[in-house]
Structures are given as structure tokens and as C-alpha cells.
């Protein structure tokens, strides 16, 4: 059945908006070329989109640069404002952006663990409001929130977890109450995987597994370009994966006997100490493991400045360049651990690619990724490429912003016709 004129107009408008989003400002002639529409149809859609406040003339093109054919049209970026929050156990980070994703303001706030639930929620909400004011955003259209823990796939709500601060769950409810915006909550590791897919190390892959290595561990699964959450939202809870070498088994309420015990930040720091490495000072919000892994990767690559993290003979702190032998042995041992979790994921999913993300995964760079890939090759007959993530801990905010932007554009770009 052919589309009605109204439906056809909406489809054409959406197509034109997507082109302007992906390619930047275009002339009417360029829109005609890329859409395949007739000149009158393009003229009509340009008039509709201008009337709806979605596009505007942003310049002129051509040698003479005058007349209707020279006008260059672009999306009105301040048609909607968006926000993204990265909610961690130690605090919260916020960015506010325009409809095209350009960051206008950002902020971060540590949350004292001893602070009560309501004061913590009030501080986080106040941070969002102050950052929005700094960005000049009178009203937020959509807010993407990345949080640790399970997200109920049916309701989109953050589920109760005994391992997370109570203010996490209350924050989402407070945002939904206080903000007229749509509040979209997603697991932090899932958002990081989306960010690596859209703007990071997995841009050329439509199927891959993402391993988050930060304070804790997690995983996300992208198959055929789509994030897979599982029946209860728990796909990728790899911290609970039973693996050898932990001295026990995980339980329904404690991942201490699972893969978490081998690859969390504290466990990696203990492993580094066993290899005579010193732990460099890290920012309060950053996992200490990321610093020692970065220094070791630099030492293996013979990069300067890694001496503060690696011990010399007999375990004493090195006064000069770092000992690349100690660093290499540590990275080898760490790769053995990471490969245990990665091998289980690849045996079930055969993703063809594993991205080592989070602050620690990014810090290891090619030195750690190559070692994990060699271990996987020995453990599994399935060919699997291992890459270091490009975005590190910033991937959560980036993914939350993508989520908010997609929601706003889906609504606004539905077409005025």
C-alpha cells in the first residue's frame, strides 16, 4: 500500500534531517542530490523544516554566494538541550550538550559515602541544574543516565542492589520528578560499549564483546549492531563469572569469588605489588590499577617517564628508567587473568572482537591487548581480535549523551509534515 502524502512528507523530512546531522550543512541542491527527491519536493521540505524551527540558513556557498541556490541549511543545534550523567559510587559527572551533541558545559562532584541518601541526591540534582544553567539551557529535552547495577528491561528502572549506595536509586526517581525531560537510564558498561561502537575502537565492527576494566569489571554484548541486555538486563555481569584462581565461588549477592576477584582494580594492584611494582598516585575517581598498567605499558614500549611505577633490582624503587622486564612480566600475568574471562565470553558468543575498555583497559593500550589476544588464541579455536578501547572512563558519559541525543532526535525529527 503506497504511503499517504503526509507519511511521505514525514519520511522525506526525516531523511533530510539525518543527512544534515551526518554530513553537516548542505544546500538545497545537495539535499536534492543526496535524497533523490525532485527540486519542488526539496523546496517544500526545506520550507516545512524551517517553519518547524529545525533548520535555518547558516551561510552561503558557491562562487557568487547569493540567491536561493547558494543558501546553506543546517540543523538548529539549540532547538533542544540534552544532558548526560555518569553516576559512580564515588560521585557523579555531568555534561550538557546541544541537539548535535556539542558539549556546552560540564561538571563533576564527589559524593561523600558518609553523606545521607537525601543530601546526596540533592547535591547530584543541584549539579545537573547548575551545569544546565552554565550551558544556557532553559529546559532539558532528554537526560541520559549511566549507572552501575542492573536496569530492568521492562520498566527501565535501576534495580535494587546491596552493593550500591542507596542514593543511586533515589537519584533516578528524583530526576524523573524534578525534570520535565525524558530520563533514560542504562547500565554504565552498556553505555560505554555504545560509545566505543559509535565513536571509538569498535566503529568498524557490528559484533563485538566489550570488557569494562575499572574499579570493578563488567561486560557488554553488541550483536549485529545492537546492544543485547538479556532477559533480566544482566547480560555481561561478568564479575560473577566462576573462574579458576579465585579460591572460591561467587554467590547471588557477592562477586568476590568470581572474575571480579582477578580483574578488579584492587586485585590488579595486588598483582602489580607481587611483581615489585609501585602504584602511582591516581585521581580519587580513577582506579589505581589504571595508573600502574599505563606505566607498565609505557615501560614495555620504552616510553619515557615510567620509572616512578616500576621497581628496580630486589624490589627497590627504580631511580632511573623503569625496568621493562618487570613491567612485561606483570602485563603477561594480567593478560592471563583477563583472558580467562574473555575466553568464556568468546566461547559462547564468538564475537570476533573483544574491546578492553574502562580506564584500565584503555591504559593497557596495544601492549596489554596484544598479550590478551595471544592468550585467547591458545585457549580458543575461535579467531578473536583484541583491541584497547579508545575512550576509557569517558565512554560512559559519551554513551549517555548518545542515548539522550537519539531520544531527542527521534522525537524532533519525526517530521512536521
Protein backbone atom coordinates (compact mmCIF):
# COMPACT_ATOMS: atom_id res chain seq x y z
CA UNK A 1 0.00 0.00 0.00
CA UNK A 2 1.54 3.35 -1.02
CA UNK A 3 2.32 5.84 1.73
CA UNK A 4 -0.07 8.72 2.26
CA UNK A 5 1.17 12.20 1.29
CA UNK A 6 1.57 13.08 4.97
CA UNK A 7 3.58 9.93 5.68
CA UNK A 8 5.74 10.51 2.60
CA UNK A 9 6.48 14.06 3.74
CA UNK A 10 7.46 12.85 7.20
CA UNK A 11 9.81 10.24 5.71
CA UNK A 12 11.43 12.83 3.42
CA UNK A 13 11.82 15.33 6.25
CA UNK A 14 13.46 12.74 8.47
CA UNK A 15 15.81 11.70 5.67
CA UNK A 16 16.86 15.30 5.08
CA UNK A 17 17.45 15.88 8.80
CA UNK A 18 19.57 12.75 9.11
CA UNK A 19 21.67 13.89 6.16
CA UNK A 20 22.20 17.30 7.75
CA UNK A 21 23.14 15.59 11.01
CA UNK A 22 25.66 13.24 9.40
CA UNK A 23 27.14 15.46 6.69
CA UNK A 24 26.72 18.93 8.16
CA UNK A 25 25.14 21.94 6.43
CA UNK A 26 24.00 21.42 2.81
CA UNK A 27 22.45 23.47 0.03
CA UNK A 28 19.05 22.62 -1.42
CA UNK A 29 20.85 21.28 -4.47
CA UNK A 30 22.98 18.98 -2.34
CA UNK A 31 19.89 17.77 -0.48
CA UNK A 32 18.31 17.00 -3.85
CA UNK A 33 21.40 15.07 -4.92
CA UNK A 34 21.65 13.01 -1.73
CA UNK A 35 17.93 12.30 -1.28
CA UNK A 36 16.98 11.73 -4.91
CA UNK A 37 13.92 13.95 -4.44
CA UNK A 38 12.68 16.41 -7.02
CA UNK A 39 13.53 20.09 -6.73
CA UNK A 40 9.95 21.06 -5.73
CA UNK A 41 9.89 18.34 -3.06
CA UNK A 42 13.17 19.59 -1.59
CA UNK A 43 11.88 23.17 -1.64
CA UNK A 44 8.75 22.07 0.22
CA UNK A 45 10.64 20.13 2.89
CA UNK A 46 13.09 22.99 3.43
CA UNK A 47 10.14 25.34 3.98
CA UNK A 48 8.49 22.88 6.41
CA UNK A 49 11.64 22.29 8.41
CA UNK A 50 12.40 25.99 8.63
CA UNK A 51 8.83 26.65 9.78
CA UNK A 52 9.21 23.99 12.48
CA UNK A 53 12.39 25.65 13.72
CA UNK A 54 14.51 22.57 12.97
CA UNK A 55 16.77 24.05 10.28
CA UNK A 56 17.97 27.53 9.35
CA UNK A 57 20.18 29.22 6.80
CA UNK A 58 23.72 29.07 8.21
CA UNK A 59 25.66 30.51 5.28
CA UNK A 60 26.07 30.64 1.52
CA UNK A 61 28.07 28.55 -0.93
CA UNK A 62 29.25 28.87 -4.49
CA UNK A 63 31.36 31.38 -6.33
CA UNK A 64 28.79 34.19 -6.36
CA UNK A 65 27.32 33.32 -2.96
CA UNK A 66 23.93 34.90 -3.48
CA UNK A 67 20.42 33.80 -4.29
CA UNK A 68 18.28 30.87 -3.04
CA UNK A 69 20.50 28.21 -4.61
CA UNK A 70 23.52 29.39 -2.64
CA UNK A 71 21.85 29.14 0.76
CA UNK A 72 23.32 26.52 3.08
CA UNK A 73 20.96 24.92 5.57
CA UNK A 74 21.92 23.39 8.90
CA UNK A 75 20.14 21.91 11.90
CA UNK A 76 19.29 24.44 14.63
CA UNK A 77 21.53 23.00 17.32
CA UNK A 78 19.89 24.85 20.22
CA UNK A 79 16.44 23.56 19.27
CA UNK A 80 16.90 21.17 22.20
CA UNK A 81 19.37 20.74 25.03
CA UNK A 82 20.49 17.37 26.38
CA UNK A 83 22.29 16.12 29.45
CA UNK A 84 24.27 13.04 30.35
CA UNK A 85 25.16 11.77 33.82
CA UNK A 86 27.76 9.22 34.84
CA UNK A 87 26.75 8.01 38.30
CA UNK A 88 29.54 6.23 40.19
CA UNK A 89 29.87 5.05 43.77
CA UNK A 90 32.30 7.93 44.40
CA UNK A 91 30.27 10.71 42.76
CA UNK A 92 28.61 11.97 39.62
CA UNK A 93 29.75 13.69 36.41
CA UNK A 94 27.52 15.73 34.09
CA UNK A 95 27.69 17.15 30.59
CA UNK A 96 25.11 19.34 28.86
CA UNK A 97 25.06 19.50 25.07
CA UNK A 98 23.03 20.79 22.14
CA UNK A 99 20.97 18.77 19.69
CA UNK A 100 24.03 17.88 17.64
CA UNK A 101 25.96 16.64 20.68
CA UNK A 102 28.35 19.59 21.06
CA UNK A 103 29.24 19.89 24.75
CA UNK A 104 28.25 23.28 26.20
CA UNK A 105 29.12 22.76 29.86
CA UNK A 106 30.32 20.02 32.17
CA UNK A 107 30.80 19.40 35.86
CA UNK A 108 31.70 16.74 38.41
CA UNK A 109 31.07 16.27 42.10
CA UNK A 110 32.42 13.71 44.59
CA UNK A 111 29.79 12.28 46.90
CA UNK A 112 30.90 11.53 50.47
CA UNK A 113 29.98 7.90 51.31
CA UNK A 114 29.03 9.08 54.80
CA UNK A 115 26.52 11.56 53.41
CA UNK A 116 22.88 10.61 53.85
CA UNK A 117 20.73 9.50 50.93
CA UNK A 118 18.64 12.65 50.57
CA UNK A 119 21.58 15.11 50.84
CA UNK A 120 23.49 13.06 48.25
CA UNK A 121 20.53 13.15 45.87
CA UNK A 122 20.09 16.88 46.38
CA UNK A 123 23.76 17.52 45.59
CA UNK A 124 23.61 15.47 42.38
CA UNK A 125 20.40 17.17 41.20
CA UNK A 126 21.87 20.57 42.00
CA UNK A 127 24.95 19.75 39.94
CA UNK A 128 22.78 18.95 36.93
CA UNK A 129 20.79 22.16 37.35
CA UNK A 130 23.86 24.36 37.73
CA UNK A 131 25.56 22.78 34.73
CA UNK A 132 22.42 23.32 32.64
CA UNK A 133 22.35 26.98 33.66
CA UNK A 134 26.02 27.36 32.75
CA UNK A 135 25.20 25.91 29.32
CA UNK A 136 22.35 28.39 28.86
CA UNK A 137 19.82 25.58 28.70
CA UNK A 138 16.47 26.81 29.94
CA UNK A 139 14.94 23.36 29.62
CA UNK A 140 16.44 19.94 29.05
CA UNK A 141 14.76 17.75 26.47
CA UNK A 142 16.39 14.40 27.35
CA UNK A 143 18.72 13.17 30.09
CA UNK A 144 20.80 10.00 29.67
CA UNK A 145 21.99 8.37 32.89
CA UNK A 146 24.69 5.72 33.16
CA UNK A 147 24.65 3.82 36.44
CA UNK A 148 26.22 0.65 37.83
CA UNK A 149 23.84 -2.20 38.52
CA UNK A 150 21.01 -3.87 36.66
CA UNK A 151 18.43 -1.97 34.65
CA UNK A 152 15.03 -3.64 34.46
CA UNK A 153 14.41 -4.14 30.70
CA UNK A 154 10.66 -3.92 31.20
CA UNK A 155 10.45 -0.71 33.23
CA UNK A 156 13.83 0.90 32.51
CA UNK A 157 14.37 1.38 36.25
CA UNK A 158 17.55 0.81 38.23
CA UNK A 159 17.04 -2.32 40.31
CA UNK A 160 17.90 -2.59 43.99
CA UNK A 161 21.42 -3.80 44.69
CA UNK A 162 23.04 -4.40 48.06
CA UNK A 163 26.42 -3.34 46.67
CA UNK A 164 25.40 0.16 45.57
CA UNK A 165 24.74 3.34 47.57
CA UNK A 166 21.05 3.97 48.27
CA UNK A 167 21.26 7.42 46.67
CA UNK A 168 21.78 5.88 43.22
CA UNK A 169 18.24 4.56 43.03
CA UNK A 170 16.76 7.67 44.64
CA UNK A 171 18.62 9.91 42.19
CA UNK A 172 16.88 8.44 39.16
CA UNK A 173 13.47 8.88 40.79
CA UNK A 174 14.34 12.46 41.79
CA UNK A 175 15.45 13.35 38.26
CA UNK A 176 12.24 11.95 36.82
CA UNK A 177 10.25 14.01 39.33
CA UNK A 178 12.16 17.28 39.14
CA UNK A 179 13.00 17.38 35.44
CA UNK A 180 10.44 17.86 32.67
CA UNK A 181 12.90 15.98 30.46
CA UNK A 182 12.74 12.35 29.48
CA UNK A 183 15.13 10.49 31.82
CA UNK A 184 16.72 7.41 30.22
CA UNK A 185 18.68 5.06 32.47
CA UNK A 186 21.16 2.44 31.21
CA UNK A 187 23.86 0.27 32.70
CA UNK A 188 27.21 2.09 32.58
CA UNK A 189 29.06 -0.72 30.80
CA UNK A 190 26.38 -0.94 28.12
CA UNK A 191 26.69 2.80 27.50
CA UNK A 192 30.47 2.53 27.27
CA UNK A 193 30.10 -0.18 24.63
CA UNK A 194 27.69 2.02 22.66
CA UNK A 195 30.22 4.85 22.77
CA UNK A 196 33.04 2.62 21.51
CA UNK A 197 30.71 1.41 18.74
CA UNK A 198 29.68 4.90 17.66
CA UNK A 199 32.86 6.88 18.27
CA UNK A 200 35.65 4.62 19.48
CA UNK A 201 37.58 1.43 18.92
CA UNK A 202 34.66 -0.61 17.51
CA UNK A 203 33.40 1.75 14.80
CA UNK A 204 34.21 -0.78 12.10
CA UNK A 205 32.56 -3.71 13.95
CA UNK A 206 28.86 -4.57 14.22
CA UNK A 207 29.53 -7.53 16.53
CA UNK A 208 31.92 -7.44 19.49
CA UNK A 209 32.23 -8.02 23.22
CA UNK A 210 33.23 -5.17 25.47
CA UNK A 211 35.10 -5.77 28.75
CA UNK A 212 34.99 -2.94 31.28
CA UNK A 213 38.09 -2.84 33.49
CA UNK A 214 37.85 -0.12 36.11
CA UNK A 215 37.23 -0.15 39.85
CA UNK A 216 35.16 -3.25 39.08
CA UNK A 217 34.63 -5.37 35.99
CA UNK A 218 31.75 -5.78 33.59
CA UNK A 219 30.95 -6.68 30.02
CA UNK A 220 28.56 -5.68 27.27
CA UNK A 221 27.49 -7.54 24.17
CA UNK A 222 26.84 -5.95 20.77
CA UNK A 223 25.47 -8.31 18.10
CA UNK A 224 24.63 -7.15 14.58
CA UNK A 225 24.96 -3.55 15.67
CA UNK A 226 22.51 -3.87 18.58
CA UNK A 227 23.16 -3.86 22.29
CA UNK A 228 21.91 -7.07 23.91
CA UNK A 229 20.74 -6.73 27.51
CA UNK A 230 19.47 -10.21 28.34
CA UNK A 231 16.15 -11.35 29.81
CA UNK A 232 16.65 -9.53 33.13
CA UNK A 233 19.05 -6.82 31.99
CA UNK A 234 22.03 -8.73 33.32
CA UNK A 235 23.86 -9.74 30.16
CA UNK A 236 27.54 -9.03 30.78
CA UNK A 237 27.63 -9.35 34.57
CA UNK A 238 30.99 -11.00 34.12
CA UNK A 239 32.15 -10.15 37.63
CA UNK A 240 30.08 -13.14 38.80
CA UNK A 241 31.67 -15.50 36.27
CA UNK A 242 33.20 -18.55 38.04
CA UNK A 243 36.85 -18.83 37.00
CA UNK A 244 39.88 -20.70 38.35
CA UNK A 245 42.32 -18.90 40.56
CA UNK A 246 39.96 -17.03 42.86
CA UNK A 247 39.96 -19.53 45.72
CA UNK A 248 36.18 -19.70 45.85
CA UNK A 249 32.91 -19.22 44.03
CA UNK A 250 30.67 -16.19 43.61
CA UNK A 251 27.23 -16.02 45.17
CA UNK A 252 23.99 -14.27 44.25
CA UNK A 253 24.99 -11.32 46.42
CA UNK A 254 28.80 -11.37 46.22
CA UNK A 255 31.03 -11.49 43.14
CA UNK A 256 34.15 -11.84 45.32
CA UNK A 257 34.71 -15.43 44.22
CA UNK A 258 34.18 -14.67 40.54
CA UNK A 259 36.13 -12.97 37.76
CA UNK A 260 35.89 -9.73 39.74
CA UNK A 261 38.42 -11.14 42.20
CA UNK A 262 41.02 -11.41 39.40
CA UNK A 263 40.46 -8.26 37.37
CA UNK A 264 39.07 -5.51 39.61
CA UNK A 265 41.37 -2.57 40.40
CA UNK A 266 42.32 -3.83 43.87
CA UNK A 267 43.23 -7.28 42.53
CA UNK A 268 45.36 -5.79 39.75
CA UNK A 269 47.20 -3.59 42.23
CA UNK A 270 47.95 -6.65 44.37
CA UNK A 271 49.27 -8.41 41.28
CA UNK A 272 51.47 -5.41 40.48
CA UNK A 273 52.89 -5.43 44.01
CA UNK A 274 53.74 -9.12 43.64
CA UNK A 275 55.85 -8.15 40.63
CA UNK A 276 57.69 -5.43 42.52
CA UNK A 277 55.78 -2.51 41.02
CA UNK A 278 54.90 0.66 42.84
CA UNK A 279 51.40 2.08 42.46
CA UNK A 280 51.48 5.66 41.15
CA UNK A 281 49.15 8.20 42.69
CA UNK A 282 45.83 8.27 40.84
CA UNK A 283 43.00 10.80 40.88
CA UNK A 284 40.35 9.96 43.52
CA UNK A 285 37.81 8.98 40.88
CA UNK A 286 40.28 6.91 38.85
CA UNK A 287 41.10 3.26 39.62
CA UNK A 288 44.65 2.88 40.91
CA UNK A 289 45.14 -0.08 38.57
CA UNK A 290 44.90 2.20 35.54
CA UNK A 291 47.97 4.15 36.66
CA UNK A 292 50.19 1.12 37.18
CA UNK A 293 49.02 -0.54 33.97
CA UNK A 294 49.67 2.65 31.98
CA UNK A 295 53.15 2.98 33.46
CA UNK A 296 53.93 -0.65 32.72
CA UNK A 297 52.70 -0.38 29.13
CA UNK A 298 54.85 2.71 28.68
CA UNK A 299 57.88 0.88 30.10
CA UNK A 300 57.39 -2.05 27.74
CA UNK A 301 57.16 0.40 24.88
CA UNK A 302 60.34 2.10 26.13
CA UNK A 303 58.45 5.34 26.56
CA UNK A 304 60.00 7.89 28.96
CA UNK A 305 58.63 8.75 32.36
CA UNK A 306 57.54 5.34 33.68
CA UNK A 307 60.28 4.99 36.31
CA UNK A 308 58.03 6.01 39.19
CA UNK A 309 55.87 2.92 38.81
CA UNK A 310 58.37 0.09 38.42
CA UNK A 311 60.81 -1.28 40.97
CA UNK A 312 64.47 -1.86 40.32
CA UNK A 313 66.66 -4.76 41.48
CA UNK A 314 65.38 -6.54 44.57
CA UNK A 315 62.07 -4.69 44.51
CA UNK A 316 63.54 -1.31 45.46
CA UNK A 317 62.10 1.72 43.69
CA UNK A 318 63.96 2.47 40.50
CA UNK A 319 65.72 5.81 40.39
CA UNK A 320 66.07 5.91 36.62
CA UNK A 321 64.15 4.45 33.70
CA UNK A 322 61.65 1.72 34.52
CA UNK A 323 62.67 -1.90 34.21
CA UNK A 324 60.80 -3.19 31.16
CA UNK A 325 61.33 -6.81 32.25
CA UNK A 326 59.32 -6.34 35.46
CA UNK A 327 56.65 -4.46 33.57
CA UNK A 328 56.42 -7.14 30.89
CA UNK A 329 56.06 -9.91 33.46
CA UNK A 330 53.27 -8.02 35.20
CA UNK A 331 51.40 -7.41 31.93
CA UNK A 332 51.83 -11.09 30.99
CA UNK A 333 50.29 -12.17 34.29
CA UNK A 334 47.46 -9.67 33.95
CA UNK A 335 46.76 -10.84 30.40
CA UNK A 336 46.49 -14.42 31.69
CA UNK A 337 43.78 -13.28 34.10
CA UNK A 338 41.83 -11.18 31.62
CA UNK A 339 41.95 -13.96 29.04
CA UNK A 340 40.10 -16.29 31.44
CA UNK A 341 37.05 -14.04 31.39
CA UNK A 342 37.38 -13.16 27.73
CA UNK A 343 37.66 -16.82 26.72
CA UNK A 344 34.37 -17.65 28.41
CA UNK A 345 32.63 -14.81 26.59
CA UNK A 346 34.08 -15.72 23.21
CA UNK A 347 33.29 -19.42 23.63
CA UNK A 348 29.58 -18.60 24.00
CA UNK A 349 29.20 -15.63 21.64
CA UNK A 350 32.04 -15.90 19.09
CA UNK A 351 32.09 -12.08 18.72
CA UNK A 352 35.25 -11.97 16.63
CA UNK A 353 36.47 -8.94 18.57
CA UNK A 354 36.93 -8.04 22.23
CA UNK A 355 37.43 -4.42 23.28
CA UNK A 356 39.25 -3.82 26.58
CA UNK A 357 37.52 -0.73 27.92
CA UNK A 358 37.27 1.29 31.08
CA UNK A 359 40.17 3.25 32.49
CA UNK A 360 42.40 0.19 32.94
CA UNK A 361 41.61 -1.38 29.58
CA UNK A 362 42.46 1.85 27.79
CA UNK A 363 45.60 2.33 29.90
CA UNK A 364 46.98 -1.04 28.82
CA UNK A 365 46.87 0.01 25.18
CA UNK A 366 48.29 -2.23 22.49
CA UNK A 367 50.78 -3.80 24.92
CA UNK A 368 48.04 -5.40 27.03
CA UNK A 369 45.62 -6.06 24.17
CA UNK A 370 48.22 -8.00 22.19
CA UNK A 371 49.04 -10.16 25.18
CA UNK A 372 45.37 -10.97 25.84
CA UNK A 373 44.89 -11.84 22.17
CA UNK A 374 47.80 -14.29 22.27
CA UNK A 375 46.31 -15.98 25.35
CA UNK A 376 42.91 -16.22 23.69
CA UNK A 377 44.46 -17.79 20.63
CA UNK A 378 45.93 -20.50 22.86
CA UNK A 379 42.68 -21.03 24.77
CA UNK A 380 40.12 -21.00 21.95
CA UNK A 381 39.85 -22.18 18.35
CA UNK A 382 37.72 -19.10 17.59
CA UNK A 383 39.68 -16.30 15.96
CA UNK A 384 39.25 -13.21 18.15
CA UNK A 385 40.87 -9.82 17.76
CA UNK A 386 41.53 -7.90 20.97
CA UNK A 387 41.67 -4.11 20.95
CA UNK A 388 42.22 -1.45 23.58
CA UNK A 389 39.29 0.92 23.99
CA UNK A 390 39.73 4.49 22.77
CA UNK A 391 37.51 6.27 25.28
CA UNK A 392 38.38 4.82 28.70
CA UNK A 393 36.24 6.01 31.59
CA UNK A 394 34.84 8.87 29.48
CA UNK A 395 32.92 6.30 27.44
CA UNK A 396 30.03 6.21 29.94
CA UNK A 397 29.24 9.91 29.60
CA UNK A 398 29.70 9.68 25.83
CA UNK A 399 27.28 6.77 25.61
CA UNK A 400 24.74 8.50 27.87
CA UNK A 401 24.91 11.57 25.64
CA UNK A 402 24.35 9.44 22.54
CA UNK A 403 21.28 7.96 24.26
CA UNK A 404 19.85 11.37 25.13
CA UNK A 405 20.59 12.75 21.67
CA UNK A 406 18.99 9.80 19.91
CA UNK A 407 15.84 10.19 22.01
CA UNK A 408 15.58 13.90 21.25
CA UNK A 409 16.23 13.47 17.56
CA UNK A 410 13.77 10.59 17.28
CA UNK A 411 11.05 12.87 18.61
CA UNK A 412 12.01 16.12 16.91
CA UNK A 413 13.00 14.56 13.61
CA UNK A 414 9.71 12.67 13.27
CA UNK A 415 8.85 15.34 10.76
CA UNK A 416 6.47 18.31 10.88
CA UNK A 417 4.79 17.25 7.64
